[in-house]
Amino acid sequence: MSERHCLPIHWFCSFQPLCRLQLLNTTVASIALFVNSVLTQTYRAIYAMQSTGNEDDELILVVAPLSANEEITQLFTSGLIDYETAIPAALHSLGCSAEEIASAMQRRRDAEAKEANMNDARESTERAELKARTKLANNPPPAGATGGAKPSATVPKATTTKPPGSAK
């Protein structure tokens, strides 16, 4: 008798929603290609008399694949996808409109640009500081030179005065 090795049922079930999601995405993408063709042919048939001479006009149905948010998070945190891919996928799966997604992308791009500018300023400051330290290490000041005003040998003692009419 041959021995059968079966995977536990929970292993199969854990991947089933992901498989269904991928099947749905493939189906929607296939339908979108057909709809693109129909829309383009219809557009050309309706507006053929008013043609601008550009026969390459094509109408395209823009569909974004649905995705599991936890899958997106894992891909983003592992570095396999960048924020340009992760943000639209996550927001689309939450039902956000195209305008909301575009706004979120613009905010993220602005934040990235601001961070890049800050990093550039920090690097510039670090380079200038390193250059100054290197110059100082290569050309130390002569012995006894303080580079400024001479420090006072005595420090004045702080005194406290009491306001008039205060009791001891």
N, C-alpha and C. Protein backbone atom coordinates (compact mmCIF):
# COMPACT_ATOMS: atom_id res chain seq x y z
N MET A 1 0.81 -1.18 0.00
CA MET A 1 0.00 0.00 0.00
C MET A 1 0.86 1.25 0.00
N SER A 2 0.52 2.20 -0.81
CA SER A 2 1.30 3.44 -0.83
C SER A 2 0.77 4.39 0.23
N GLU A 3 1.67 5.12 0.78
CA GLU A 3 1.31 6.06 1.84
C GLU A 3 1.11 7.44 1.22
N ARG A 4 -0.01 8.07 1.57
CA ARG A 4 -0.31 9.39 1.02
C ARG A 4 0.09 10.44 2.03
N HIS A 5 0.69 11.50 1.52
CA HIS A 5 1.04 12.63 2.37
C HIS A 5 0.16 13.79 1.96
N CYS A 6 -0.61 14.25 2.87
CA CYS A 6 -1.51 15.35 2.60
C CYS A 6 -1.13 16.55 3.43
N LEU A 7 -1.32 17.68 2.83
CA LEU A 7 -1.11 18.92 3.59
C LEU A 7 -2.30 19.13 4.50
N PRO A 8 -2.07 19.71 5.66
CA PRO A 8 -3.21 19.99 6.54
C PRO A 8 -4.19 20.93 5.85
N ILE A 9 -5.45 20.80 6.15
CA ILE A 9 -6.49 21.58 5.49
C ILE A 9 -6.33 23.07 5.76
N HIS A 10 -5.82 23.45 6.92
CA HIS A 10 -5.66 24.88 7.22
C HIS A 10 -4.61 25.52 6.33
N TRP A 11 -3.62 24.74 5.82
CA TRP A 11 -2.62 25.29 4.93
C TRP A 11 -3.28 25.70 3.61
N PHE A 12 -4.12 24.84 3.07
CA PHE A 12 -4.79 25.15 1.81
C PHE A 12 -5.75 26.32 1.99
N CYS A 13 -6.50 26.32 3.06
CA CYS A 13 -7.49 27.37 3.29
C CYS A 13 -6.85 28.73 3.49
N SER A 14 -5.64 28.75 4.03
CA SER A 14 -5.00 30.04 4.27
C SER A 14 -4.63 30.73 2.96
N PHE A 15 -4.41 29.97 1.89
CA PHE A 15 -4.05 30.57 0.61
C PHE A 15 -5.25 30.72 -0.32
N GLN A 16 -6.36 30.15 0.03
CA GLN A 16 -7.52 30.18 -0.85
C GLN A 16 -8.01 31.60 -1.14
N PRO A 17 -8.13 32.49 -0.14
CA PRO A 17 -8.57 33.86 -0.48
C PRO A 17 -7.61 34.56 -1.44
N LEU A 18 -6.32 34.32 -1.28
CA LEU A 18 -5.34 34.94 -2.17
C LEU A 18 -5.49 34.40 -3.59
N CYS A 19 -5.73 33.09 -3.71
CA CYS A 19 -5.93 32.49 -5.03
C CYS A 19 -7.19 33.06 -5.69
N ARG A 20 -8.24 33.21 -4.91
CA ARG A 20 -9.48 33.76 -5.45
C ARG A 20 -9.26 35.20 -5.91
N LEU A 21 -8.50 35.95 -5.13
CA LEU A 21 -8.23 37.35 -5.47
C LEU A 21 -7.43 37.43 -6.77
N GLN A 22 -6.44 36.56 -6.93
CA GLN A 22 -5.65 36.55 -8.15
C GLN A 22 -6.50 36.15 -9.35
N LEU A 23 -7.40 35.18 -9.16
CA LEU A 23 -8.29 34.77 -10.23
C LEU A 23 -9.22 35.92 -10.61
N LEU A 24 -9.74 36.63 -9.62
CA LEU A 24 -10.60 37.78 -9.89
C LEU A 24 -9.84 38.85 -10.66
N ASN A 25 -8.61 39.15 -10.25
CA ASN A 25 -7.81 40.17 -10.93
C ASN A 25 -7.54 39.78 -12.38
N THR A 26 -7.23 38.52 -12.62
CA THR A 26 -6.99 38.04 -13.98
C THR A 26 -8.25 38.16 -14.83
N THR A 27 -9.38 37.80 -14.24
CA THR A 27 -10.65 37.88 -14.96
C THR A 27 -10.99 39.32 -15.31
N VAL A 28 -10.84 40.22 -14.34
CA VAL A 28 -11.14 41.63 -14.58
C VAL A 28 -10.21 42.20 -15.64
N ALA A 29 -8.94 41.84 -15.60
CA ALA A 29 -7.99 42.32 -16.61
C ALA A 29 -8.37 41.83 -18.00
N SER A 30 -8.80 40.58 -18.11
CA SER A 30 -9.22 40.03 -19.41
C SER A 30 -10.47 40.75 -19.92
N ILE A 31 -11.42 40.99 -19.05
CA ILE A 31 -12.64 41.70 -19.44
C ILE A 31 -12.29 43.12 -19.86
N ALA A 32 -11.37 43.76 -19.14
CA ALA A 32 -10.98 45.14 -19.46
C ALA A 32 -10.37 45.23 -20.85
N LEU A 33 -9.58 44.24 -21.25
CA LEU A 33 -9.00 44.25 -22.60
C LEU A 33 -10.10 44.18 -23.66
N PHE A 34 -11.10 43.35 -23.43
CA PHE A 34 -12.22 43.26 -24.38
C PHE A 34 -13.01 44.57 -24.40
N VAL A 35 -13.27 45.15 -23.23
CA VAL A 35 -14.01 46.42 -23.14
C VAL A 35 -13.23 47.52 -23.84
N ASN A 36 -11.90 47.53 -23.72
CA ASN A 36 -11.07 48.52 -24.42
C ASN A 36 -11.31 48.47 -25.92
N SER A 37 -11.33 47.26 -26.45
CA SER A 37 -11.54 47.09 -27.88
C SER A 37 -12.92 47.58 -28.30
N VAL A 38 -13.94 47.23 -27.54
CA VAL A 38 -15.31 47.65 -27.85
C VAL A 38 -15.45 49.16 -27.76
N LEU A 39 -14.91 49.75 -26.70
CA LEU A 39 -14.99 51.20 -26.53
C LEU A 39 -14.28 51.93 -27.66
N THR A 40 -13.12 51.45 -28.03
CA THR A 40 -12.35 52.09 -29.11
C THR A 40 -13.10 52.01 -30.44
N GLN A 41 -13.64 50.85 -30.76
CA GLN A 41 -14.39 50.69 -32.01
C GLN A 41 -15.64 51.57 -32.02
N THR A 42 -16.31 51.63 -30.89
CA THR A 42 -17.51 52.47 -30.78
C THR A 42 -17.15 53.95 -30.94
N TYR A 43 -16.10 54.38 -30.27
CA TYR A 43 -15.64 55.77 -30.37
C TYR A 43 -15.32 56.12 -31.82
N ARG A 44 -14.59 55.24 -32.48
CA ARG A 44 -14.21 55.51 -33.87
C ARG A 44 -15.43 55.53 -34.78
N ALA A 45 -16.41 54.66 -34.53
CA ALA A 45 -17.62 54.62 -35.36
C ALA A 45 -18.45 55.89 -35.17
N ILE A 46 -18.57 56.36 -33.92
CA ILE A 46 -19.39 57.54 -33.64
C ILE A 46 -18.73 58.81 -34.14
N TYR A 47 -17.42 58.94 -33.91
CA TYR A 47 -16.73 60.20 -34.21
C TYR A 47 -15.89 60.12 -35.48
N ALA A 48 -16.17 59.19 -36.38
CA ALA A 48 -15.39 59.03 -37.60
C ALA A 48 -15.48 60.26 -38.48
N MET A 49 -16.67 60.91 -38.54
CA MET A 49 -16.83 62.08 -39.38
C MET A 49 -16.11 63.29 -38.81
N GLN A 50 -15.93 63.33 -37.51
CA GLN A 50 -15.28 64.47 -36.87
C GLN A 50 -13.83 64.14 -36.55
N SER A 51 -13.26 63.21 -37.28
CA SER A 51 -11.91 62.75 -36.99
C SER A 51 -10.91 63.89 -37.09
N THR A 52 -9.99 63.89 -36.19
CA THR A 52 -8.94 64.91 -36.18
C THR A 52 -7.73 64.45 -36.97
N GLY A 53 -7.85 63.31 -37.62
CA GLY A 53 -6.72 62.82 -38.39
C GLY A 53 -5.86 61.86 -37.60
N ASN A 54 -6.17 61.70 -36.35
CA ASN A 54 -5.38 60.81 -35.52
C ASN A 54 -6.14 59.49 -35.39
N GLU A 55 -5.78 58.52 -36.21
CA GLU A 55 -6.45 57.23 -36.20
C GLU A 55 -5.95 56.32 -35.08
N ASP A 56 -4.97 56.79 -34.34
CA ASP A 56 -4.41 55.98 -33.25
C ASP A 56 -5.13 56.20 -31.93
N ASP A 57 -6.19 57.00 -31.93
CA ASP A 57 -6.93 57.21 -30.70
C ASP A 57 -7.47 55.88 -30.19
N GLU A 58 -7.33 55.69 -28.90
CA GLU A 58 -7.80 54.45 -28.30
C GLU A 58 -8.34 54.76 -26.91
N LEU A 59 -9.49 54.19 -26.60
CA LEU A 59 -10.05 54.34 -25.27
C LEU A 59 -9.61 53.15 -24.44
N ILE A 60 -9.15 53.44 -23.25
CA ILE A 60 -8.64 52.37 -22.39
C ILE A 60 -9.35 52.44 -21.05
N LEU A 61 -9.90 51.33 -20.64
CA LEU A 61 -10.52 51.21 -19.34
C LEU A 61 -9.40 50.98 -18.33
N VAL A 62 -9.26 51.88 -17.40
CA VAL A 62 -8.21 51.76 -16.41
C VAL A 62 -8.77 51.01 -15.21
N VAL A 63 -8.20 49.85 -14.97
CA VAL A 63 -8.61 49.05 -13.81
C VAL A 63 -7.38 48.77 -12.97
N ALA A 64 -7.57 48.88 -11.69
CA ALA A 64 -6.49 48.56 -10.77
C ALA A 64 -6.82 47.23 -10.11
N PRO A 65 -5.85 46.35 -10.04
CA PRO A 65 -6.13 45.06 -9.44
C PRO A 65 -6.43 45.19 -7.95
N LEU A 66 -7.35 44.37 -7.50
CA LEU A 66 -7.63 44.33 -6.07
C LEU A 66 -6.50 43.57 -5.40
N SER A 67 -6.25 43.91 -4.17
CA SER A 67 -5.18 43.21 -3.47
C SER A 67 -5.50 43.18 -1.99
N ALA A 68 -4.89 42.23 -1.34
CA ALA A 68 -5.06 42.11 0.10
C ALA A 68 -4.11 43.10 0.76
N ASN A 69 -4.63 43.91 1.68
CA ASN A 69 -3.80 44.92 2.33
C ASN A 69 -2.63 44.32 3.08
N GLU A 70 -2.81 43.17 3.68
CA GLU A 70 -1.69 42.57 4.41
C GLU A 70 -0.60 42.13 3.43
N GLU A 71 -1.00 41.71 2.24
CA GLU A 71 -0.01 41.35 1.22
C GLU A 71 0.77 42.59 0.77
N ILE A 72 0.07 43.69 0.57
CA ILE A 72 0.73 44.94 0.18
C ILE A 72 1.71 45.38 1.26
N THR A 73 1.28 45.30 2.50
CA THR A 73 2.14 45.69 3.63
C THR A 73 3.39 44.85 3.67
N GLN A 74 3.25 43.55 3.49
CA GLN A 74 4.42 42.67 3.51
C GLN A 74 5.37 42.98 2.36
N LEU A 75 4.83 43.22 1.18
CA LEU A 75 5.69 43.54 0.03
C LEU A 75 6.41 44.87 0.23
N PHE A 76 5.69 45.86 0.80
CA PHE A 76 6.30 47.17 1.01
C PHE A 76 7.37 47.11 2.09
N THR A 77 7.07 46.47 3.22
CA THR A 77 8.05 46.42 4.31
C THR A 77 9.27 45.59 3.95
N SER A 78 9.10 44.61 3.06
CA SER A 78 10.25 43.81 2.64
C SER A 78 11.05 44.50 1.54
N GLY A 79 10.52 45.61 1.00
CA GLY A 79 11.24 46.37 -0.01
C GLY A 79 11.03 45.88 -1.43
N LEU A 80 10.09 44.96 -1.64
CA LEU A 80 9.85 44.46 -2.99
C LEU A 80 9.07 45.45 -3.85
N ILE A 81 8.25 46.29 -3.21
CA ILE A 81 7.55 47.34 -3.95
C ILE A 81 7.81 48.66 -3.25
N ASP A 82 7.77 49.74 -4.01
CA ASP A 82 7.98 51.06 -3.43
C ASP A 82 6.63 51.71 -3.13
N TYR A 83 6.68 52.91 -2.57
CA TYR A 83 5.43 53.57 -2.21
C TYR A 83 4.60 53.95 -3.43
N GLU A 84 5.25 54.13 -4.58
CA GLU A 84 4.53 54.46 -5.81
C GLU A 84 3.59 53.32 -6.22
N THR A 85 3.90 52.12 -5.83
CA THR A 85 3.06 50.97 -6.12
C THR A 85 2.13 50.66 -4.95
N ALA A 86 2.65 50.76 -3.74
CA ALA A 86 1.90 50.36 -2.55
C ALA A 86 0.72 51.29 -2.25
N ILE A 87 0.93 52.58 -2.33
CA ILE A 87 -0.13 53.53 -1.96
C ILE A 87 -1.36 53.38 -2.85
N PRO A 88 -1.21 53.41 -4.18
CA PRO A 88 -2.42 53.24 -5.00
C PRO A 88 -3.12 51.90 -4.78
N ALA A 89 -2.35 50.83 -4.64
CA ALA A 89 -2.96 49.51 -4.44
C ALA A 89 -3.74 49.46 -3.14
N ALA A 90 -3.14 49.97 -2.07
CA ALA A 90 -3.80 49.94 -0.76
C ALA A 90 -5.03 50.84 -0.75
N LEU A 91 -4.91 52.05 -1.27
CA LEU A 91 -6.04 52.97 -1.26
C LEU A 91 -7.16 52.50 -2.19
N HIS A 92 -6.79 51.89 -3.30
CA HIS A 92 -7.82 51.36 -4.21
C HIS A 92 -8.59 50.24 -3.52
N SER A 93 -7.89 49.37 -2.80
CA SER A 93 -8.58 48.28 -2.13
C SER A 93 -9.47 48.78 -1.00
N LEU A 94 -9.20 49.99 -0.51
CA LEU A 94 -10.05 50.60 0.51
C LEU A 94 -11.22 51.36 -0.10
N GLY A 95 -11.24 51.47 -1.42
CA GLY A 95 -12.35 52.12 -2.10
C GLY A 95 -12.17 53.61 -2.33
N CYS A 96 -10.95 54.11 -2.27
CA CYS A 96 -10.70 55.53 -2.49
C CYS A 96 -10.85 55.87 -3.97
N SER A 97 -11.23 57.11 -4.23
CA SER A 97 -11.39 57.56 -5.61
C SER A 97 -10.03 57.88 -6.21
N ALA A 98 -10.02 58.06 -7.53
CA ALA A 98 -8.78 58.38 -8.23
C ALA A 98 -8.20 59.71 -7.74
N GLU A 99 -9.07 60.68 -7.43
CA GLU A 99 -8.60 61.98 -6.94
C GLU A 99 -7.95 61.84 -5.57
N GLU A 100 -8.54 61.02 -4.70
CA GLU A 100 -7.96 60.81 -3.38
C GLU A 100 -6.62 60.11 -3.47
N ILE A 101 -6.51 59.16 -4.38
CA ILE A 101 -5.25 58.46 -4.57
C ILE A 101 -4.19 59.40 -5.11
N ALA A 102 -4.58 60.22 -6.10
CA ALA A 102 -3.62 61.19 -6.67
C ALA A 102 -3.17 62.19 -5.61
N SER A 103 -4.09 62.63 -4.78
CA SER A 103 -3.75 63.57 -3.70
C SER A 103 -2.78 62.93 -2.70
N ALA A 104 -3.06 61.68 -2.34
CA ALA A 104 -2.17 60.98 -1.41
C ALA A 104 -0.78 60.79 -2.01
N MET A 105 -0.73 60.48 -3.30
CA MET A 105 0.55 60.32 -3.97
C MET A 105 1.32 61.62 -4.01
N GLN A 106 0.63 62.74 -4.25
CA GLN A 106 1.29 64.04 -4.29
C GLN A 106 1.83 64.41 -2.91
N ARG A 107 1.04 64.14 -1.87
CA ARG A 107 1.52 64.42 -0.50
C ARG A 107 2.76 63.59 -0.19
N ARG A 108 2.77 62.34 -0.61
CA ARG A 108 3.92 61.48 -0.36
C ARG A 108 5.14 61.96 -1.14
N ARG A 109 4.92 62.35 -2.40
CA ARG A 109 6.04 62.87 -3.20
C ARG A 109 6.61 64.14 -2.58
N ASP A 110 5.73 65.02 -2.09
CA ASP A 110 6.18 66.25 -1.43
C ASP A 110 6.99 65.91 -0.18
N ALA A 111 6.51 64.95 0.59
CA ALA A 111 7.23 64.54 1.80
C ALA A 111 8.59 63.94 1.45
N GLU A 112 8.64 63.15 0.38
CA GLU A 112 9.90 62.57 -0.07
C GLU A 112 10.87 63.66 -0.52
N ALA A 113 10.37 64.66 -1.25
CA ALA A 113 11.22 65.75 -1.71
C ALA A 113 11.75 66.55 -0.53
N LYS A 114 10.89 66.81 0.45
CA LYS A 114 11.31 67.55 1.64
C LYS A 114 12.37 66.76 2.40
N GLU A 115 12.17 65.45 2.52
CA GLU A 115 13.16 64.61 3.21
C GLU A 115 14.48 64.60 2.45
N ALA A 116 14.41 64.54 1.13
CA ALA A 116 15.63 64.55 0.32
C ALA A 116 16.38 65.87 0.48
N ASN A 117 15.63 66.99 0.51
CA ASN A 117 16.27 68.30 0.72
C ASN A 117 16.92 68.37 2.09
N MET A 118 16.25 67.84 3.10
CA MET A 118 16.82 67.85 4.45
C MET A 118 18.08 66.99 4.50
N ASN A 119 18.05 65.83 3.83
CA ASN A 119 19.22 64.97 3.80
C ASN A 119 20.38 65.65 3.08
N ASP A 120 20.08 66.35 1.98
CA ASP A 120 21.12 67.07 1.25
C ASP A 120 21.74 68.16 2.12
N ALA A 121 20.89 68.91 2.85
CA ALA A 121 21.39 69.96 3.73
C ALA A 121 22.24 69.37 4.85
N ARG A 122 21.80 68.24 5.42
CA ARG A 122 22.56 67.59 6.49
C ARG A 122 23.91 67.11 5.97
N GLU A 123 23.91 66.49 4.79
CA GLU A 123 25.17 66.01 4.21
C GLU A 123 26.11 67.16 3.90
N SER A 124 25.56 68.27 3.41
CA SER A 124 26.38 69.45 3.12
C SER A 124 27.00 69.99 4.40
N THR A 125 26.20 70.05 5.46
CA THR A 125 26.71 70.53 6.75
C THR A 125 27.78 69.59 7.29
N GLU A 126 27.55 68.29 7.18
CA GLU A 126 28.53 67.32 7.66
C GLU A 126 29.84 67.42 6.87
N ARG A 127 29.71 67.61 5.55
CA ARG A 127 30.93 67.76 4.74
C ARG A 127 31.71 69.01 5.14
N ALA A 128 30.98 70.13 5.35
CA ALA A 128 31.66 71.37 5.75
C ALA A 128 32.32 71.21 7.12
N GLU A 129 31.63 70.53 8.04
CA GLU A 129 32.19 70.31 9.37
C GLU A 129 33.42 69.41 9.30
N LEU A 130 33.35 68.37 8.49
CA LEU A 130 34.49 67.48 8.32
C LEU A 130 35.67 68.21 7.70
N LYS A 131 35.38 69.07 6.73
CA LYS A 131 36.44 69.86 6.09
C LYS A 131 37.10 70.79 7.10
N ALA A 132 36.29 71.44 7.94
CA ALA A 132 36.84 72.34 8.96
C ALA A 132 37.67 71.57 9.98
N ARG A 133 37.21 70.41 10.38
CA ARG A 133 37.98 69.59 11.34
C ARG A 133 39.28 69.11 10.73
N THR A 134 39.21 68.71 9.46
CA THR A 134 40.43 68.26 8.78
C THR A 134 41.43 69.40 8.67
N LYS A 135 40.94 70.58 8.33
CA LYS A 135 41.83 71.75 8.22
C LYS A 135 42.45 72.07 9.57
N LEU A 136 41.66 71.99 10.63
CA LEU A 136 42.16 72.26 11.97
C LEU A 136 43.17 71.20 12.40
N ALA A 137 42.93 69.94 12.02
CA ALA A 137 43.86 68.87 12.38
C ALA A 137 45.17 68.99 11.61
N ASN A 138 45.10 69.44 10.37
CA ASN A 138 46.31 69.60 9.56
C ASN A 138 47.09 70.86 9.91
N ASN A 139 46.40 71.90 10.38
CA ASN A 139 47.03 73.17 10.74
C ASN A 139 46.61 73.56 12.15
N PRO A 140 47.15 72.91 13.18
CA PRO A 140 46.73 73.25 14.54
C PRO A 140 47.18 74.66 14.91
N PRO A 141 46.42 75.34 15.77
CA PRO A 141 46.83 76.69 16.18
C PRO A 141 48.11 76.62 17.01
N PRO A 142 48.93 77.69 16.97
CA PRO A 142 50.18 77.68 17.74
C PRO A 142 49.88 77.57 19.24
N ALA A 143 50.84 77.02 19.97
CA ALA A 143 50.66 76.84 21.42
C ALA A 143 50.43 78.18 22.09
N GLY A 144 49.49 78.24 22.98
CA GLY A 144 49.19 79.47 23.70
C GLY A 144 48.18 80.34 23.01
N ALA A 145 47.86 80.07 21.76
CA ALA A 145 46.87 80.88 21.06
C ALA A 145 45.48 80.36 21.43
N THR A 146 44.61 81.28 21.76
CA THR A 146 43.26 80.87 22.15
C THR A 146 42.28 81.12 21.01
N GLY A 147 42.67 81.87 20.04
CA GLY A 147 41.80 82.11 18.91
C GLY A 147 40.73 83.14 19.19
N GLY A 148 40.82 83.87 20.23
CA GLY A 148 39.79 84.85 20.52
C GLY A 148 40.20 85.67 21.73
N ALA A 149 39.25 86.14 22.45
CA ALA A 149 39.54 86.93 23.65
C ALA A 149 40.16 86.05 24.71
N LYS A 150 41.04 86.65 25.50
CA LYS A 150 41.70 85.89 26.55
C LYS A 150 40.71 85.61 27.67
N PRO A 151 40.74 84.38 28.16
CA PRO A 151 39.81 84.08 29.25
C PRO A 151 40.25 84.77 30.53
N SER A 152 39.31 85.17 31.28
CA SER A 152 39.60 85.87 32.54
C SER A 152 40.07 84.86 33.57
N ALA A 153 41.11 85.21 34.32
CA ALA A 153 41.65 84.32 35.34
C ALA A 153 40.73 84.26 36.54
N THR A 154 40.02 85.33 36.78
CA THR A 154 39.11 85.34 37.93
C THR A 154 37.69 85.47 37.44
N VAL A 155 36.84 84.74 38.08
CA VAL A 155 35.43 84.79 37.74
C VAL A 155 34.75 85.63 38.81
N PRO A 156 33.98 86.65 38.41
CA PRO A 156 33.33 87.47 39.42
C PRO A 156 32.33 86.64 40.21
N LYS A 157 32.28 86.93 41.50
CA LYS A 157 31.42 86.19 42.40
C LYS A 157 30.01 86.76 42.31
N ALA A 158 29.05 85.86 42.25
CA ALA A 158 27.66 86.29 42.17
C ALA A 158 27.20 86.79 43.53
N THR A 159 26.52 87.89 43.53
CA THR A 159 26.00 88.44 44.79
C THR A 159 24.50 88.50 44.72
N THR A 160 23.89 88.35 45.83
CA THR A 160 22.44 88.44 45.87
C THR A 160 22.05 89.66 46.68
N THR A 161 21.08 90.34 46.21
CA THR A 161 20.57 91.49 46.95
C THR A 161 19.11 91.24 47.26
N LYS A 162 18.72 91.66 48.44
CA LYS A 162 17.34 91.48 48.84
C LYS A 162 16.58 92.76 48.58
N PRO A 163 15.35 92.63 48.18
CA PRO A 163 14.56 93.84 47.97
C PRO A 163 14.34 94.57 49.29
N PRO A 164 14.21 95.89 49.23
CA PRO A 164 14.03 96.66 50.46
C PRO A 164 12.75 96.22 51.18
N GLY A 165 12.84 96.12 52.47
CA GLY A 165 11.68 95.79 53.28
C GLY A 165 11.50 94.31 53.48
N SER A 166 12.42 93.49 52.98
CA SER A 166 12.27 92.05 53.22
C SER A 166 12.94 91.69 54.53
N ALA A 167 12.36 90.79 55.26
CA ALA A 167 12.88 90.39 56.56
C ALA A 167 13.77 89.19 56.40
N LYS A 168 14.73 89.10 57.37
CA LYS A 168 15.65 87.96 57.36
C LYS A 168 14.98 86.74 57.82
